[in-house]
C-alpha atoms as a PDB file:
ATOM      1  CA  MET A   1     127.489 130.651 108.185  1.00  0.00           C
ATOM      2  CA  SER A   2     130.605 129.178 106.535  1.00  0.00           C
ATOM      3  CA  ARG A   3     130.872 129.298 102.768  1.00  0.00           C
ATOM      4  CA  LEU A   4     132.093 126.289 100.811  1.00  0.00           C
ATOM      5  CA  ILE A   5     134.396 126.984  97.910  1.00  0.00           C
ATOM      6  CA  SER A   6     135.897 124.615  95.386  1.00  0.00           C
ATOM      7  CA  VAL A   7     139.602 124.157  94.719  1.00  0.00           C
ATOM      8  CA  TYR A   8     140.655 122.955  91.285  1.00  0.00           C
ATOM      9  CA  SER A   9     144.023 121.803  89.916  1.00  0.00           C
ATOM     10  CA  LYS A  10     145.012 121.673  86.276  1.00  0.00           C
ATOM     11  CA  ARG A  11     148.295 120.928  84.561  1.00  0.00           C
ATOM     12  CA  ILE A  12     148.781 122.867  81.336  1.00  0.00           C
ATOM     13  CA  ASP A  13     151.971 121.978  79.480  1.00  0.00           C
ATOM     14  CA  GLU A  14     154.549 121.719  82.297  1.00  0.00           C
ATOM     15  CA  VAL A  15     152.834 124.137  84.688  1.00  0.00           C
ATOM     16  CA  TRP A  16     150.366 123.428  87.495  1.00  0.00           C
ATOM     17  CA  PHE A  17     147.618 126.006  88.016  1.00  0.00           C
ATOM     18  CA  GLU A  18     145.317 126.148  91.039  1.00  0.00           C
ATOM     19  CA  VAL A  19     142.035 128.028  91.416  1.00  0.00           C
ATOM     20  CA  ALA A  20     139.812 128.436  94.473  1.00  0.00           C
ATOM     21  CA  CYS A  21     136.398 129.789  93.565  1.00  0.00           C
ATOM     22  CA  ASP A  22     132.698 129.997  94.256  1.00  0.00           C
ATOM     23  CA  ASP A  23     131.224 128.650  91.020  1.00  0.00           C
ATOM     24  CA  GLU A  24     127.700 129.816  91.778  1.00  0.00           C
ATOM     25  CA  CYS A  25     128.727 133.444  92.322  1.00  0.00           C
ATOM     26  CA  GLU A  26     131.593 133.232  89.788  1.00  0.00           C
ATOM     27  CA  ARG A  27     133.975 134.654  92.357  1.00  0.00           C
ATOM     28  CA  VAL A  28     137.665 133.804  92.744  1.00  0.00           C
ATOM     29  CA  PHE A  29     139.202 133.517  96.235  1.00  0.00           C
ATOM     30  CA  GLY A  30     142.720 132.551  95.230  1.00  0.00           C
ATOM     31  CA  THR A  31     144.976 131.438  92.381  1.00  0.00           C
ATOM     32  CA  ASN A  32     148.466 130.030  92.134  1.00  0.00           C
ATOM     33  CA  PHE A  33     150.841 128.401  89.667  1.00  0.00           C
ATOM     34  CA  GLY A  34     154.194 126.631  89.513  1.00  0.00           C
ATOM     35  CA  SER A  35     156.017 123.477  88.513  1.00  0.00           C
ATOM     36  CA  ASN A  36     155.356 121.481  91.695  1.00  0.00           C
ATOM     37  CA  GLU A  37     151.697 120.535  92.224  1.00  0.00           C
ATOM     38  CA  LYS A  38     152.012 119.994  95.986  1.00  0.00           C
ATOM     39  CA  LYS A  39     153.777 123.315  96.623  1.00  0.00           C
ATOM     40  CA  VAL A  40     151.349 125.213  94.405  1.00  0.00           C
ATOM     41  CA  LEU A  41     148.362 123.737  96.245  1.00  0.00           C
ATOM     42  CA  GLN A  42     149.932 124.433  99.652  1.00  0.00           C
ATOM     43  CA  GLY A  43     150.594 128.035  98.627  1.00  0.00           C
ATOM     44  CA  LEU A  44     147.015 128.496  97.502  1.00  0.00           C
ATOM     45  CA  LEU A  45     145.470 126.943 100.609  1.00  0.00           C
ATOM     46  CA  GLY A  46     147.719 129.052 102.827  1.00  0.00           C
ATOM     47  CA  CYS A  47     146.240 132.231 101.345  1.00  0.00           C
ATOM     48  CA  LEU A  48     142.575 131.287 101.631  1.00  0.00           C
ATOM     49  CA  PRO A  49     140.382 132.994 104.254  1.00  0.00           C
ATOM     50  CA  LYS A  50     140.440 131.033 107.501  1.00  0.00           C
ATOM     51  CA  ASP A  51     136.668 131.117 107.991  1.00  0.00           C
ATOM     52  CA  ILE A  52     135.846 129.532 104.644  1.00  0.00           C
ATOM     53  CA  GLN A  53     135.583 125.795 104.091  1.00  0.00           C
ATOM     54  CA  PHE A  54     136.869 124.329 100.844  1.00  0.00           C
ATOM     55  CA  GLN A  55     136.582 121.100  98.909  1.00  0.00           C
ATOM     56  CA  GLN A  56     138.928 119.778  96.244  1.00  0.00           C
ATOM     57  CA  SER A  57     136.999 118.994  93.086  1.00  0.00           C
ATOM     58  CA  ALA A  58     138.216 116.620  90.383  1.00  0.00           C
ATOM     59  CA  LYS A  59     135.680 117.725  87.771  1.00  0.00           C
ATOM     60  CA  ILE A  60     136.512 121.248  86.682  1.00  0.00           C
ATOM     61  CA  SER A  61     133.548 123.622  86.384  1.00  0.00           C
ATOM     62  CA  ALA A  62     132.969 125.819  83.349  1.00  0.00           C
ATOM     63  CA  PHE A  63     133.787 128.915  85.385  1.00  0.00           C
ATOM     64  CA  ALA A  64     137.036 127.429  86.693  1.00  0.00           C
ATOM     65  CA  GLU A  65     138.010 126.449  83.132  1.00  0.00           C
ATOM     66  CA  HIS A  66     137.582 130.078  82.116  1.00  0.00           C
ATOM     67  CA  VAL A  67     139.803 131.222  84.991  1.00  0.00           C
ATOM     68  CA  PHE A  68     142.430 128.632  84.009  1.00  0.00           C
ATOM     69  CA  ASP A  69     142.390 129.987  80.440  1.00  0.00           C
ATOM     70  CA  VAL A  70     142.979 133.527  81.714  1.00  0.00           C
ATOM     71  CA  LEU A  71     145.826 132.387  83.991  1.00  0.00           C
ATOM     72  CA  LYS A  72     147.527 130.432  81.192  1.00  0.00           C
ATOM     73  CA  ASN A  73     147.299 133.401  78.806  1.00  0.00           C
ATOM     74  CA  MET A  74     148.824 135.629  81.504  1.00  0.00           C
ATOM     75  CA  TYR A  75     151.566 133.077  82.099  1.00  0.00           C
ATOM     76  CA  ASP A  76     152.292 133.082  78.367  1.00  0.00           C
ATOM     77  CA  GLY A  77     152.819 136.852  78.420  1.00  0.00           C
ATOM     78  CA  GLN A  78     149.609 137.797  76.658  1.00  0.00           C
ATOM     79  CA  GLU A  79     147.482 140.870  77.295  1.00  0.00           C
ATOM     80  CA  VAL A  80     144.271 139.692  78.947  1.00  0.00           C
ATOM     81  CA  SER A  81     141.213 141.137  80.611  1.00  0.00           C
ATOM     82  CA  VAL A  82     140.154 139.825  84.018  1.00  0.00           C
ATOM     83  CA  ASP A  83     136.382 139.622  83.642  1.00  0.00           C
ATOM     84  CA  PHE A  84     135.564 137.870  86.907  1.00  0.00           C
ATOM     85  CA  ASP A  85     135.187 139.004  90.502  1.00  0.00           C
ATOM     86  CA  LEU A  86     138.044 138.649  92.993  1.00  0.00           C
ATOM     87  CA  ALA A  87     137.158 138.168  96.664  1.00  0.00           C
ATOM     88  CA  MET A  88     138.834 141.387  97.753  1.00  0.00           C
ATOM     89  CA  ASP A  89     136.839 141.693 100.989  1.00  0.00           C
ATOM     90  CA  TYR A  90     139.198 139.115 102.505  1.00  0.00           C
ATOM     91  CA  VAL A  91     142.367 141.163 102.024  1.00  0.00           C
ATOM     92  CA  SER A  92     143.503 144.203 104.024  1.00  0.00           C
ATOM     93  CA  GLU A  93     142.870 147.755 102.880  1.00  0.00           C
ATOM     94  CA  TYR A  94     146.600 148.267 102.394  1.00  0.00           C
ATOM     95  CA  THR A  95     146.863 145.129 100.267  1.00  0.00           C
ATOM     96  CA  LYS A  96     144.009 146.445  98.129  1.00  0.00           C
ATOM     97  CA  LYS A  97     145.905 149.713  97.580  1.00  0.00           C
ATOM     98  CA  VAL A  98     149.111 147.907  96.613  1.00  0.00           C
ATOM     99  CA  MET A  99     147.211 145.552  94.319  1.00  0.00           C
ATOM    100  CA  LYS A 100     145.510 148.453  92.561  1.00  0.00           C
ATOM    101  CA  VAL A 101     148.843 150.150  91.866  1.00  0.00           C
ATOM    102  CA  THR A 102     150.574 146.942  90.803  1.00  0.00           C
ATOM    103  CA  CYS A 103     147.764 145.985  88.426  1.00  0.00           C
ATOM    104  CA  ALA A 104     148.225 149.340  86.692  1.00  0.00           C
ATOM    105  CA  ILE A 105     151.791 148.444  85.611  1.00  0.00           C
ATOM    106  CA  PRO A 106     151.420 147.706  81.879  1.00  0.00           C
ATOM    107  CA  LEU A 107     152.523 144.545  80.131  1.00  0.00           C
ATOM    108  CA  GLY A 108     156.187 144.847  79.175  1.00  0.00           C
ATOM    109  CA  TYR A 109     157.079 147.233  82.009  1.00  0.00           C
ATOM    110  CA  VAL A 110     158.287 147.061  85.605  1.00  0.00           C
ATOM    111  CA  ALA A 111     158.193 149.407  88.598  1.00  0.00           C
ATOM    112  CA  SER A 112     160.225 149.408  91.788  1.00  0.00           C
ATOM    113  CA  TYR A 113     158.960 148.412  95.222  1.00  0.00           C
ATOM    114  CA  GLY A 114     159.718 151.955  96.370  1.00  0.00           C
ATOM    115  CA  ALA A 115     157.812 153.557  93.507  1.00  0.00           C
ATOM    116  CA  VAL A 116     154.758 151.418  94.231  1.00  0.00           C
ATOM    117  CA  ALA A 117     155.053 152.393  97.909  1.00  0.00           C
ATOM    118  CA  LYS A 118     155.096 156.110  97.045  1.00  0.00           C
ATOM    119  CA  VAL A 119     151.718 155.713  95.346  1.00  0.00           C
ATOM    120  CA  ALA A 120     150.097 153.138  97.655  1.00  0.00           C
ATOM    121  CA  GLY A 121     151.668 154.316 100.902  1.00  0.00           C
ATOM    122  CA  GLY A 122     153.889 152.441 103.298  1.00  0.00           C
ATOM    123  CA  SER A 123     157.445 151.318 102.623  1.00  0.00           C
ATOM    124  CA  ALA A 124     159.164 149.301  99.922  1.00  0.00           C
ATOM    125  CA  ARG A 125     159.445 146.474 102.460  1.00  0.00           C
ATOM    126  CA  ALA A 126     155.695 146.616 103.126  1.00  0.00           C
ATOM    127  CA  VAL A 127     155.016 146.396  99.387  1.00  0.00           C
ATOM    128  CA  GLY A 128     157.340 143.394  99.242  1.00  0.00           C
ATOM    129  CA  ARG A 129     155.323 141.674 101.969  1.00  0.00           C
ATOM    130  CA  VAL A 130     152.139 142.147  99.963  1.00  0.00           C
ATOM    131  CA  MET A 131     153.854 140.763  96.865  1.00  0.00           C
ATOM    132  CA  ALA A 132     154.890 137.683  98.859  1.00  0.00           C
ATOM    133  CA  THR A 133     151.551 136.964 100.534  1.00  0.00           C
ATOM    134  CA  HIS A 134     148.701 138.088  98.269  1.00  0.00           C
ATOM    135  CA  PRO A 135     146.269 135.383  97.064  1.00  0.00           C
ATOM    136  CA  PHE A 136     146.088 136.135  93.339  1.00  0.00           C
ATOM    137  CA  PRO A 137     149.272 135.309  91.386  1.00  0.00           C
ATOM    138  CA  PRO A 138     149.641 135.951  88.468  1.00  0.00           C
ATOM    139  CA  ILE A 139     146.439 138.030  88.273  1.00  0.00           C
ATOM    140  CA  LEU A 140     148.262 140.497  90.480  1.00  0.00           C
ATOM    141  CA  PRO A 141     151.452 140.877  88.385  1.00  0.00           C
ATOM    142  CA  CYS A 142     153.924 140.916  91.267  1.00  0.00           C
ATOM    143  CA  HIS A 143     156.608 139.758  88.826  1.00  0.00           C
ATOM    144  CA  ARG A 144     156.530 143.329  87.428  1.00  0.00           C
ATOM    145  CA  VAL A 145     157.760 144.800  90.718  1.00  0.00           C
ATOM    146  CA  VAL A 146     161.553 144.866  91.078  1.00  0.00           C
ATOM    147  CA  ALA A 147     164.247 146.486  93.199  1.00  0.00           C
ATOM    148  CA  TYR A 148     165.257 150.135  92.712  1.00  0.00           C
ATOM    149  CA  ASP A 149     168.364 149.091  90.745  1.00  0.00           C
ATOM    150  CA  PHE A 150     166.334 146.774  88.473  1.00  0.00           C
ATOM    151  CA  THR A 151     167.569 143.587  90.129  1.00  0.00           C
ATOM    152  CA  LEU A 152     164.654 141.211  90.558  1.00  0.00           C
ATOM    153  CA  GLY A 153     164.239 141.397  94.337  1.00  0.00           C
ATOM    154  CA  GLY A 154     162.212 138.411  95.515  1.00  0.00           C
ATOM    155  CA  TYR A 155     159.572 136.095  94.106  1.00  0.00           C
ATOM    156  CA  GLY A 156     157.575 133.258  95.625  1.00  0.00           C
ATOM    157  CA  GLY A 157     158.053 131.088  92.549  1.00  0.00           C
ATOM    158  CA  GLY A 158     161.801 131.714  92.468  1.00  0.00           C
ATOM    159  CA  LEU A 159     163.836 134.352  90.646  1.00  0.00           C
ATOM    160  CA  ALA A 160     164.308 132.160  87.568  1.00  0.00           C
ATOM    161  CA  SER A 161     160.520 131.997  87.227  1.00  0.00           C
ATOM    162  CA  LYS A 162     160.247 135.782  87.656  1.00  0.00           C
ATOM    163  CA  ALA A 163     162.861 136.380  84.953  1.00  0.00           C
ATOM    164  CA  ALA A 164     161.127 133.923  82.619  1.00  0.00           C
ATOM    165  CA  PHE A 165     157.836 135.745  83.179  1.00  0.00           C
ATOM    166  CA  LEU A 166     159.403 139.074  82.251  1.00  0.00           C
ATOM    167  CA  ARG A 167     160.994 137.552  79.135  1.00  0.00           C
ATOM    168  CA  ARG A 168     157.601 136.330  77.951  1.00  0.00           C
ATOM    169  CA  GLU A 169     156.133 139.792  78.559  1.00  0.00           C
ATOM    170  CA  SER A 170     159.024 141.689  76.962  1.00  0.00           C
ATOM    171  CA  ARG A 171     157.861 143.883  74.095  1.00  0.00           C
ATOM    172  CA  GLY A 172     161.156 145.577  73.169  1.00  0.00           C
ATOM    173  CA  PHE A 173     160.344 148.929  74.777  1.00  0.00           C
ATOM    174  CA  ASP A 174     163.385 151.159  75.270  1.00  0.00           C
ATOM    175  CA  SER A 175     162.333 154.045  77.500  1.00  0.00           C
ATOM    176  CA  GLU A 176     160.410 154.686  80.683  1.00  0.00           C
ATOM    177  CA  LYS A 177     157.008 156.311  80.797  1.00  0.00           C
ATOM    178  CA  GLU A 178     154.709 157.876  83.341  1.00  0.00           C
ATOM    179  CA  ILE A 179     151.306 156.362  84.025  1.00  0.00           C
ATOM    180  CA  LEU A 180     148.441 157.095  86.382  1.00  0.00           C
ATOM    181  CA  ALA A 181     148.006 154.519  89.124  1.00  0.00           C
ATOM    182  CA  ALA A 182     145.375 155.019  91.816  1.00  0.00           C
ATOM    183  CA  GLY A 183     145.168 158.663  90.769  1.00  0.00           C
ATOM    184  CA  LYS A 184     148.903 159.301  91.203  1.00  0.00           C
ATOM    185  CA  LYS A 185     151.891 159.335  88.868  1.00  0.00           C
ATOM    186  CA  LEU A 186     153.973 156.168  88.648  1.00  0.00           C
ATOM    187  CA  VAL A 187     157.097 155.865  86.508  1.00  0.00           C
ATOM    188  CA  VAL A 188     157.449 152.460  84.862  1.00  0.00           C
ATOM    189  CA  PHE A 189     160.437 151.092  82.960  1.00  0.00           C
ATOM    190  CA  PRO A 190     160.794 148.529  80.169  1.00  0.00           C
ATOM    191  CA  ALA A 191     161.105 144.943  81.378  1.00  0.00           C
ATOM    192  CA  GLU A 192     164.349 144.854  79.397  1.00  0.00           C
ATOM    193  CA  PHE A 193     166.000 146.999  82.098  1.00  0.00           C
ATOM    194  CA  ALA A 194     165.497 144.185  84.614  1.00  0.00           C
ATOM    195  CA  LEU A 195     166.357 141.460  82.111  1.00  0.00           C
ATOM    196  CA  LYS A 196     169.723 143.107  81.400  1.00  0.00           C
ATOM    197  CA  LYS A 197     170.505 142.829  85.099  1.00  0.00           C
ATOM    198  CA  VAL A 198     169.589 139.142  85.005  1.00  0.00           C
ATOM    199  CA  GLY A 199     171.989 138.646  82.124  1.00  0.00           C
ATOM    200  CA  LYS A 200     174.818 140.186  84.168  1.00  0.00           C
ATOM    201  CA  ALA A 201     174.102 138.133  87.295  1.00  0.00           C
END
């Protein structure tokens, strides 16, 4: 039987945020953000499971408001805890692996596509495809994944948006560190390394 999920839109400051969720189960099926409401909505709807029906709702539920608050705090570069369920059963096993590794990258740091691939499996290009098509930006911090030489690589919201995200998350760190991601070692570098490249572009 088809499930019916609600899609909500909210403009906070100059940014449009979109959330697709099951309010009853407090489960999120997709998120998106950007400056253009139509493009943000199209991006969200394009990532939703094909076998699920949705309805656009004008009145925002209490659960959706909570998700919007989390997304805005993330967008502002704050450390937040995601305390709601993501509908991960609708993404591939490989996407789940990449998401797990990417979510381990701490605030204020970046990792390369290749480094994420070494932990999650696959290639740097395959990781890039996941970054471009996953349904949970910015919950999945794909803006923290950059090219091997610290250039930004790609970003669905545009490279200027990716750079702005990293600036908001910058904490002034000056050296790399090793973390555990999905049980393996992942070397992460200060966001400043990528931002210096942006300054030279």
